């Protein structure tokens, strides 16, 4: 018997996964990682060393904050999409979808800053793009139960 194939989750399952992932990533950043960034900026303000060394530490803290938020968002998106869609989603696909969604949010926010977009501005564009990427994945071979 050959390996069985299961398709990727549907669009609405991926959209639900992306929505839960974005909310969980934002909550993680605000609740747990924001104090880390505040402590780093306080050390920069109170430090007596060269200002550029403190600025480098602050930039490093910001990069860690953004990287952790994106990774957590991708992980939650992967698992929630898989649960809702009853299909396997790879972490690389979820991470690429979340990164592309963030880039689209930045591009839409900068291009249409003065335009009156419905709902919550352009934030929904990143969710839709992430859902399209997750739901358009090719079928993954699963190990057959022998």
N, C-alpha and C. Protein backbone atom coordinates (compact mmCIF):
# COMPACT_ATOMS: atom_id res chain seq x y z
N UNK A 1 0.83 -1.17 0.00
CA UNK A 1 0.00 0.00 0.00
C UNK A 1 0.88 1.24 0.00
N UNK A 2 0.62 2.19 -0.85
CA UNK A 2 1.40 3.41 -0.94
C UNK A 2 0.99 4.42 0.11
N UNK A 3 1.73 5.52 0.17
CA UNK A 3 1.39 6.55 1.15
C UNK A 3 0.08 7.25 0.78
N UNK A 4 -0.68 7.61 1.78
CA UNK A 4 -1.91 8.34 1.53
C UNK A 4 -1.60 9.83 1.50
N UNK A 5 -2.44 10.57 0.80
CA UNK A 5 -2.23 12.00 0.66
C UNK A 5 -3.41 12.74 1.25
N UNK A 6 -3.11 13.81 1.94
CA UNK A 6 -4.15 14.66 2.52
C UNK A 6 -3.87 16.08 2.06
N UNK A 7 -4.88 16.77 1.63
CA UNK A 7 -4.68 18.11 1.10
C UNK A 7 -4.45 19.10 2.25
N UNK A 8 -4.08 20.31 1.88
CA UNK A 8 -3.88 21.35 2.87
C UNK A 8 -5.24 21.81 3.40
N UNK A 9 -5.26 22.55 4.52
CA UNK A 9 -6.54 23.00 5.07
C UNK A 9 -7.21 23.99 4.12
N UNK A 10 -8.51 24.10 4.25
CA UNK A 10 -9.26 25.03 3.42
C UNK A 10 -8.98 26.47 3.78
N UNK A 11 -9.51 27.37 2.95
CA UNK A 11 -9.24 28.80 3.15
C UNK A 11 -9.77 29.29 4.49
N UNK A 12 -10.98 28.90 4.86
CA UNK A 12 -11.56 29.41 6.10
C UNK A 12 -10.87 28.82 7.32
N UNK A 13 -10.41 27.58 7.24
CA UNK A 13 -9.63 27.00 8.34
C UNK A 13 -8.29 27.73 8.48
N UNK A 14 -7.67 28.04 7.35
CA UNK A 14 -6.41 28.77 7.38
C UNK A 14 -6.62 30.20 7.86
N UNK A 15 -7.76 30.81 7.48
CA UNK A 15 -8.06 32.16 7.94
C UNK A 15 -8.27 32.18 9.45
N UNK A 16 -8.97 31.18 9.97
CA UNK A 16 -9.14 31.08 11.41
C UNK A 16 -7.81 30.86 12.12
N UNK A 17 -6.97 30.03 11.55
CA UNK A 17 -5.64 29.80 12.13
C UNK A 17 -4.79 31.05 12.12
N UNK A 18 -4.85 31.80 11.02
CA UNK A 18 -4.08 33.04 10.93
C UNK A 18 -4.59 34.08 11.93
N UNK A 19 -5.91 34.17 12.07
CA UNK A 19 -6.49 35.13 13.01
C UNK A 19 -6.07 34.81 14.44
N UNK A 20 -6.21 33.55 14.82
CA UNK A 20 -5.81 33.15 16.18
C UNK A 20 -4.30 33.33 16.36
N UNK A 21 -3.52 33.03 15.33
CA UNK A 21 -2.07 33.19 15.41
C UNK A 21 -1.66 34.64 15.58
N UNK A 22 -2.27 35.55 14.83
CA UNK A 22 -1.93 36.96 14.94
C UNK A 22 -2.31 37.50 16.32
N UNK A 23 -3.48 37.13 16.83
CA UNK A 23 -3.90 37.60 18.15
C UNK A 23 -2.98 37.04 19.24
N UNK A 24 -2.65 35.75 19.14
CA UNK A 24 -1.76 35.14 20.14
C UNK A 24 -0.36 35.74 20.08
N UNK A 25 0.14 36.01 18.89
CA UNK A 25 1.46 36.63 18.77
C UNK A 25 1.49 38.04 19.34
N UNK A 26 0.43 38.80 19.10
CA UNK A 26 0.37 40.15 19.66
C UNK A 26 0.26 40.12 21.18
N UNK A 27 -0.54 39.20 21.71
CA UNK A 27 -0.66 39.07 23.17
C UNK A 27 0.66 38.65 23.79
N UNK A 28 1.36 37.73 23.15
CA UNK A 28 2.66 37.31 23.66
C UNK A 28 3.63 38.48 23.67
N UNK A 29 3.64 39.25 22.61
CA UNK A 29 4.56 40.38 22.55
C UNK A 29 4.22 41.44 23.60
N UNK A 30 2.95 41.72 23.77
CA UNK A 30 2.57 42.76 24.72
C UNK A 30 2.74 42.32 26.17
N UNK A 31 2.36 41.10 26.48
CA UNK A 31 2.36 40.67 27.87
C UNK A 31 3.72 40.20 28.37
N UNK A 32 4.46 39.46 27.55
CA UNK A 32 5.67 38.84 28.05
C UNK A 32 6.95 39.47 27.54
N UNK A 33 6.96 39.93 26.31
CA UNK A 33 8.21 40.40 25.74
C UNK A 33 8.37 41.92 25.79
N UNK A 34 7.27 42.65 25.96
CA UNK A 34 7.36 44.11 26.03
C UNK A 34 8.17 44.57 27.24
N UNK A 35 8.00 43.96 28.44
CA UNK A 35 8.86 44.37 29.56
C UNK A 35 10.35 44.19 29.28
N UNK A 36 10.70 43.18 28.50
CA UNK A 36 12.10 42.99 28.12
C UNK A 36 12.59 44.18 27.30
N UNK A 37 11.78 44.65 26.38
CA UNK A 37 12.16 45.80 25.56
C UNK A 37 12.23 47.08 26.41
N UNK A 38 11.30 47.22 27.36
CA UNK A 38 11.33 48.40 28.24
C UNK A 38 12.58 48.39 29.13
N UNK A 39 12.93 47.23 29.65
CA UNK A 39 14.14 47.14 30.47
C UNK A 39 15.38 47.49 29.66
N UNK A 40 15.41 47.06 28.41
CA UNK A 40 16.55 47.37 27.55
C UNK A 40 16.64 48.86 27.26
N UNK A 41 15.49 49.49 27.02
CA UNK A 41 15.51 50.92 26.74
C UNK A 41 15.84 51.72 27.99
N UNK A 42 15.43 51.24 29.17
CA UNK A 42 15.78 51.91 30.41
C UNK A 42 17.29 51.81 30.66
N UNK A 43 17.86 50.66 30.39
CA UNK A 43 19.31 50.51 30.53
C UNK A 43 20.03 51.42 29.55
N UNK A 44 19.47 51.63 28.39
CA UNK A 44 20.06 52.54 27.41
C UNK A 44 20.03 53.97 27.94
N UNK A 45 18.88 54.36 28.53
CA UNK A 45 18.74 55.73 29.01
C UNK A 45 19.61 56.01 30.23
N UNK A 46 19.79 55.00 31.09
CA UNK A 46 20.55 55.20 32.32
C UNK A 46 22.01 54.79 32.21
N UNK A 47 22.38 54.19 31.11
CA UNK A 47 23.75 53.71 30.95
C UNK A 47 24.73 54.85 30.84
N UNK A 48 25.96 54.59 31.25
CA UNK A 48 27.00 55.61 31.20
C UNK A 48 27.99 55.37 30.07
N UNK A 49 27.84 54.26 29.35
CA UNK A 49 28.76 53.94 28.27
C UNK A 49 28.46 54.76 27.03
N UNK A 50 29.08 54.37 25.97
CA UNK A 50 28.85 55.05 24.70
C UNK A 50 27.41 54.85 24.25
N UNK A 51 26.83 55.86 23.66
CA UNK A 51 25.42 55.80 23.28
C UNK A 51 25.17 54.79 22.18
N UNK A 52 26.13 54.59 21.29
CA UNK A 52 25.90 53.65 20.18
C UNK A 52 25.88 52.20 20.65
N UNK A 53 26.59 51.87 21.74
CA UNK A 53 26.53 50.52 22.27
C UNK A 53 25.15 50.24 22.86
N UNK A 54 24.60 51.22 23.57
CA UNK A 54 23.26 51.08 24.13
C UNK A 54 22.21 51.00 23.04
N UNK A 55 22.41 51.76 21.99
CA UNK A 55 21.48 51.73 20.86
C UNK A 55 21.51 50.36 20.18
N UNK A 56 22.69 49.77 20.10
CA UNK A 56 22.80 48.42 19.54
C UNK A 56 22.07 47.40 20.38
N UNK A 57 22.15 47.54 21.71
CA UNK A 57 21.42 46.63 22.59
C UNK A 57 19.92 46.81 22.42
N UNK A 58 19.49 48.04 22.28
CA UNK A 58 18.05 48.29 22.09
C UNK A 58 17.57 47.71 20.76
N UNK A 59 18.38 47.88 19.72
CA UNK A 59 18.01 47.30 18.42
C UNK A 59 17.98 45.78 18.49
N UNK A 60 18.91 45.17 19.22
CA UNK A 60 18.92 43.73 19.39
C UNK A 60 17.68 43.27 20.15
N UNK A 61 17.31 43.99 21.18
CA UNK A 61 16.09 43.65 21.94
C UNK A 61 14.86 43.75 21.04
N UNK A 62 14.82 44.76 20.19
CA UNK A 62 13.69 44.89 19.26
C UNK A 62 13.63 43.77 18.25
N UNK A 63 14.79 43.37 17.73
CA UNK A 63 14.83 42.26 16.78
C UNK A 63 14.42 40.95 17.44
N UNK A 64 14.85 40.73 18.68
CA UNK A 64 14.42 39.53 19.40
C UNK A 64 12.92 39.55 19.63
N UNK A 65 12.39 40.70 19.98
CA UNK A 65 10.95 40.84 20.19
C UNK A 65 10.16 40.53 18.92
N UNK A 66 10.57 41.10 17.81
CA UNK A 66 9.87 40.87 16.53
C UNK A 66 10.03 39.42 16.08
N UNK A 67 11.22 38.88 16.19
CA UNK A 67 11.44 37.50 15.77
C UNK A 67 10.65 36.50 16.59
N UNK A 68 10.58 36.71 17.89
CA UNK A 68 9.81 35.82 18.75
C UNK A 68 8.33 35.93 18.46
N UNK A 69 7.85 37.14 18.22
CA UNK A 69 6.44 37.31 17.91
C UNK A 69 6.07 36.62 16.60
N UNK A 70 6.90 36.76 15.58
CA UNK A 70 6.62 36.13 14.28
C UNK A 70 6.67 34.61 14.40
N UNK A 71 7.66 34.08 15.13
CA UNK A 71 7.76 32.63 15.30
C UNK A 71 6.57 32.08 16.08
N UNK A 72 6.16 32.78 17.13
CA UNK A 72 5.00 32.33 17.91
C UNK A 72 3.72 32.41 17.09
N UNK A 73 3.58 33.46 16.30
CA UNK A 73 2.42 33.60 15.43
C UNK A 73 2.37 32.47 14.41
N UNK A 74 3.51 32.13 13.83
CA UNK A 74 3.56 31.05 12.85
C UNK A 74 3.25 29.70 13.50
N UNK A 75 3.77 29.47 14.69
CA UNK A 75 3.52 28.20 15.38
C UNK A 75 2.04 28.03 15.70
N UNK A 76 1.42 29.09 16.22
CA UNK A 76 -0.02 29.02 16.54
C UNK A 76 -0.83 28.88 15.25
N UNK A 77 -0.47 29.61 14.21
CA UNK A 77 -1.16 29.51 12.93
C UNK A 77 -1.07 28.09 12.38
N UNK A 78 0.09 27.49 12.48
CA UNK A 78 0.29 26.12 12.01
C UNK A 78 -0.65 25.15 12.72
N UNK A 79 -0.68 25.21 14.03
CA UNK A 79 -1.45 24.24 14.79
C UNK A 79 -2.96 24.49 14.71
N UNK A 80 -3.39 25.73 14.75
CA UNK A 80 -4.82 26.01 14.67
C UNK A 80 -5.35 25.70 13.27
N UNK A 81 -4.59 26.03 12.24
CA UNK A 81 -5.02 25.69 10.88
C UNK A 81 -5.12 24.19 10.70
N UNK A 82 -4.17 23.46 11.27
CA UNK A 82 -4.21 22.01 11.17
C UNK A 82 -5.41 21.44 11.92
N UNK A 83 -5.73 22.02 13.08
CA UNK A 83 -6.89 21.54 13.84
C UNK A 83 -8.21 21.85 13.14
N UNK A 84 -8.33 23.08 12.65
CA UNK A 84 -9.59 23.48 12.01
C UNK A 84 -9.77 22.81 10.65
N UNK A 85 -8.69 22.62 9.92
CA UNK A 85 -8.78 22.08 8.57
C UNK A 85 -8.55 20.60 8.48
N UNK A 86 -8.19 19.96 9.58
CA UNK A 86 -7.92 18.52 9.61
C UNK A 86 -6.91 18.14 8.54
N UNK A 87 -5.85 18.92 8.45
CA UNK A 87 -4.79 18.66 7.47
C UNK A 87 -3.48 19.16 8.06
N UNK A 88 -2.41 18.59 7.57
CA UNK A 88 -1.09 18.94 8.07
C UNK A 88 -0.60 20.24 7.44
N UNK A 89 -0.03 21.10 8.28
CA UNK A 89 0.57 22.35 7.81
C UNK A 89 2.01 22.37 8.31
N UNK A 90 2.94 22.58 7.41
CA UNK A 90 4.35 22.64 7.80
C UNK A 90 4.67 23.99 8.41
N UNK A 91 5.63 24.00 9.34
CA UNK A 91 6.01 25.24 10.01
C UNK A 91 6.62 26.23 9.02
N UNK A 92 7.39 25.73 8.06
CA UNK A 92 7.99 26.63 7.06
C UNK A 92 6.91 27.36 6.27
N UNK A 93 5.85 26.67 5.92
CA UNK A 93 4.77 27.31 5.17
C UNK A 93 4.07 28.34 6.04
N UNK A 94 3.80 27.99 7.30
CA UNK A 94 3.14 28.93 8.21
C UNK A 94 4.02 30.15 8.48
N UNK A 95 5.32 29.93 8.65
CA UNK A 95 6.24 31.05 8.88
C UNK A 95 6.31 31.96 7.65
N UNK A 96 6.40 31.37 6.47
CA UNK A 96 6.40 32.18 5.25
C UNK A 96 5.10 32.94 5.07
N UNK A 97 3.98 32.32 5.42
CA UNK A 97 2.69 32.99 5.30
C UNK A 97 2.59 34.17 6.26
N UNK A 98 3.05 33.97 7.48
CA UNK A 98 3.00 35.05 8.47
C UNK A 98 3.93 36.19 8.08
N UNK A 99 5.13 35.87 7.63
CA UNK A 99 6.05 36.92 7.18
C UNK A 99 5.49 37.69 6.00
N UNK A 100 4.93 36.98 5.03
CA UNK A 100 4.33 37.65 3.88
C UNK A 100 3.14 38.50 4.31
N UNK A 101 2.35 38.00 5.28
CA UNK A 101 1.23 38.79 5.80
C UNK A 101 1.69 40.07 6.47
N UNK A 102 2.78 39.99 7.24
CA UNK A 102 3.31 41.20 7.88
C UNK A 102 3.82 42.20 6.84
N UNK A 103 4.51 41.68 5.83
CA UNK A 103 5.01 42.57 4.77
C UNK A 103 3.85 43.24 4.03
N UNK A 104 2.79 42.47 3.76
CA UNK A 104 1.63 43.05 3.08
C UNK A 104 0.96 44.11 3.95
N UNK A 105 0.88 43.89 5.27
CA UNK A 105 0.32 44.90 6.16
C UNK A 105 1.14 46.18 6.12
N UNK A 106 2.46 46.05 6.09
CA UNK A 106 3.32 47.23 6.03
C UNK A 106 3.14 47.96 4.70
N UNK A 107 3.10 47.20 3.59
CA UNK A 107 2.94 47.83 2.28
C UNK A 107 1.59 48.51 2.13
N UNK A 108 0.53 47.85 2.56
CA UNK A 108 -0.80 48.45 2.45
C UNK A 108 -0.90 49.66 3.37
N UNK A 109 -0.31 49.56 4.56
CA UNK A 109 -0.35 50.69 5.48
C UNK A 109 0.39 51.90 4.97
N UNK A 110 1.50 51.67 4.27
CA UNK A 110 2.25 52.81 3.75
C UNK A 110 1.67 53.34 2.44
N UNK A 111 1.11 52.46 1.62
CA UNK A 111 0.58 52.90 0.33
C UNK A 111 -0.78 53.58 0.47
N UNK A 112 -1.58 53.11 1.38
CA UNK A 112 -2.93 53.64 1.52
C UNK A 112 -3.13 54.29 2.89
N UNK A 113 -2.17 55.13 3.28
CA UNK A 113 -2.23 55.74 4.61
C UNK A 113 -3.42 56.71 4.73
N UNK A 114 -3.75 57.38 3.65
CA UNK A 114 -4.84 58.35 3.71
C UNK A 114 -6.18 57.79 3.26
N UNK A 115 -6.18 56.62 2.66
CA UNK A 115 -7.42 56.02 2.17
C UNK A 115 -8.23 55.47 3.33
N UNK A 116 -9.53 55.55 3.21
CA UNK A 116 -10.42 55.01 4.24
C UNK A 116 -10.72 53.55 3.90
N UNK A 117 -9.98 52.64 4.52
CA UNK A 117 -10.18 51.21 4.28
C UNK A 117 -11.22 50.68 5.27
N UNK A 118 -12.02 49.73 4.84
CA UNK A 118 -13.05 49.20 5.75
C UNK A 118 -12.47 48.37 6.89
N UNK A 119 -13.27 48.11 7.86
CA UNK A 119 -13.00 47.30 9.04
C UNK A 119 -11.89 47.95 9.87
N UNK A 120 -10.73 47.36 9.98
CA UNK A 120 -9.66 47.90 10.82
C UNK A 120 -8.47 48.32 9.96
N UNK A 121 -8.72 49.16 9.00
CA UNK A 121 -7.64 49.59 8.14
C UNK A 121 -7.20 48.48 7.20
N UNK A 122 -5.91 48.29 7.10
CA UNK A 122 -5.38 47.27 6.20
C UNK A 122 -4.94 46.01 6.90
N UNK A 123 -5.25 45.87 8.19
CA UNK A 123 -4.78 44.70 8.93
C UNK A 123 -5.37 43.40 8.40
N UNK A 124 -6.55 43.45 7.83
CA UNK A 124 -7.18 42.23 7.32
C UNK A 124 -6.48 41.72 6.07
N UNK A 125 -5.74 42.56 5.38
CA UNK A 125 -5.05 42.14 4.16
C UNK A 125 -3.99 41.09 4.49
N UNK A 126 -3.24 41.30 5.56
CA UNK A 126 -2.23 40.33 5.97
C UNK A 126 -2.83 39.00 6.36
N UNK A 127 -4.00 39.03 7.00
CA UNK A 127 -4.67 37.78 7.37
C UNK A 127 -5.11 37.01 6.14
N UNK A 128 -5.67 37.71 5.17
CA UNK A 128 -6.13 37.05 3.95
C UNK A 128 -4.95 36.47 3.17
N UNK A 129 -3.86 37.21 3.09
CA UNK A 129 -2.68 36.71 2.37
C UNK A 129 -2.11 35.49 3.08
N UNK A 130 -2.02 35.54 4.41
CA UNK A 130 -1.52 34.39 5.16
C UNK A 130 -2.42 33.18 4.97
N UNK A 131 -3.73 33.39 4.98
CA UNK A 131 -4.66 32.28 4.78
C UNK A 131 -4.53 31.70 3.37
N UNK A 132 -4.35 32.55 2.38
CA UNK A 132 -4.17 32.05 1.01
C UNK A 132 -2.90 31.22 0.88
N UNK A 133 -1.83 31.65 1.51
CA UNK A 133 -0.58 30.90 1.42
C UNK A 133 -0.69 29.56 2.13
N UNK A 134 -1.30 29.55 3.32
CA UNK A 134 -1.43 28.29 4.06
C UNK A 134 -2.36 27.33 3.34
N UNK A 135 -3.46 27.85 2.80
CA UNK A 135 -4.43 26.96 2.16
C UNK A 135 -4.02 26.51 0.76
N UNK A 136 -3.04 27.15 0.16
CA UNK A 136 -2.64 26.77 -1.19
C UNK A 136 -1.48 25.78 -1.21
N UNK A 137 -1.16 25.22 -0.07
CA UNK A 137 -0.05 24.27 0.01
C UNK A 137 -0.35 22.98 -0.75
N UNK A 138 0.68 22.35 -1.22
CA UNK A 138 0.50 21.09 -1.92
C UNK A 138 0.26 19.97 -0.90
N UNK A 139 -0.21 18.87 -1.38
CA UNK A 139 -0.50 17.74 -0.50
C UNK A 139 0.79 17.16 0.07
N UNK A 140 0.73 16.81 1.35
CA UNK A 140 1.87 16.18 2.01
C UNK A 140 1.62 14.70 2.13
N UNK A 141 2.60 13.87 1.77
CA UNK A 141 2.41 12.44 1.97
C UNK A 141 2.45 12.12 3.45
N UNK A 142 1.51 11.31 3.89
CA UNK A 142 1.47 10.86 5.27
C UNK A 142 1.84 9.39 5.31
N UNK A 143 2.39 8.96 6.39
CA UNK A 143 2.73 7.56 6.54
C UNK A 143 1.46 6.76 6.64
N UNK A 144 1.36 5.70 5.87
CA UNK A 144 0.16 4.89 5.89
C UNK A 144 0.16 3.99 7.10
N UNK A 145 -1.01 3.74 7.60
CA UNK A 145 -1.15 2.85 8.75
C UNK A 145 -1.16 1.41 8.24
N UNK A 146 -0.12 0.70 8.53
CA UNK A 146 0.00 -0.67 8.02
C UNK A 146 -0.33 -1.68 9.08
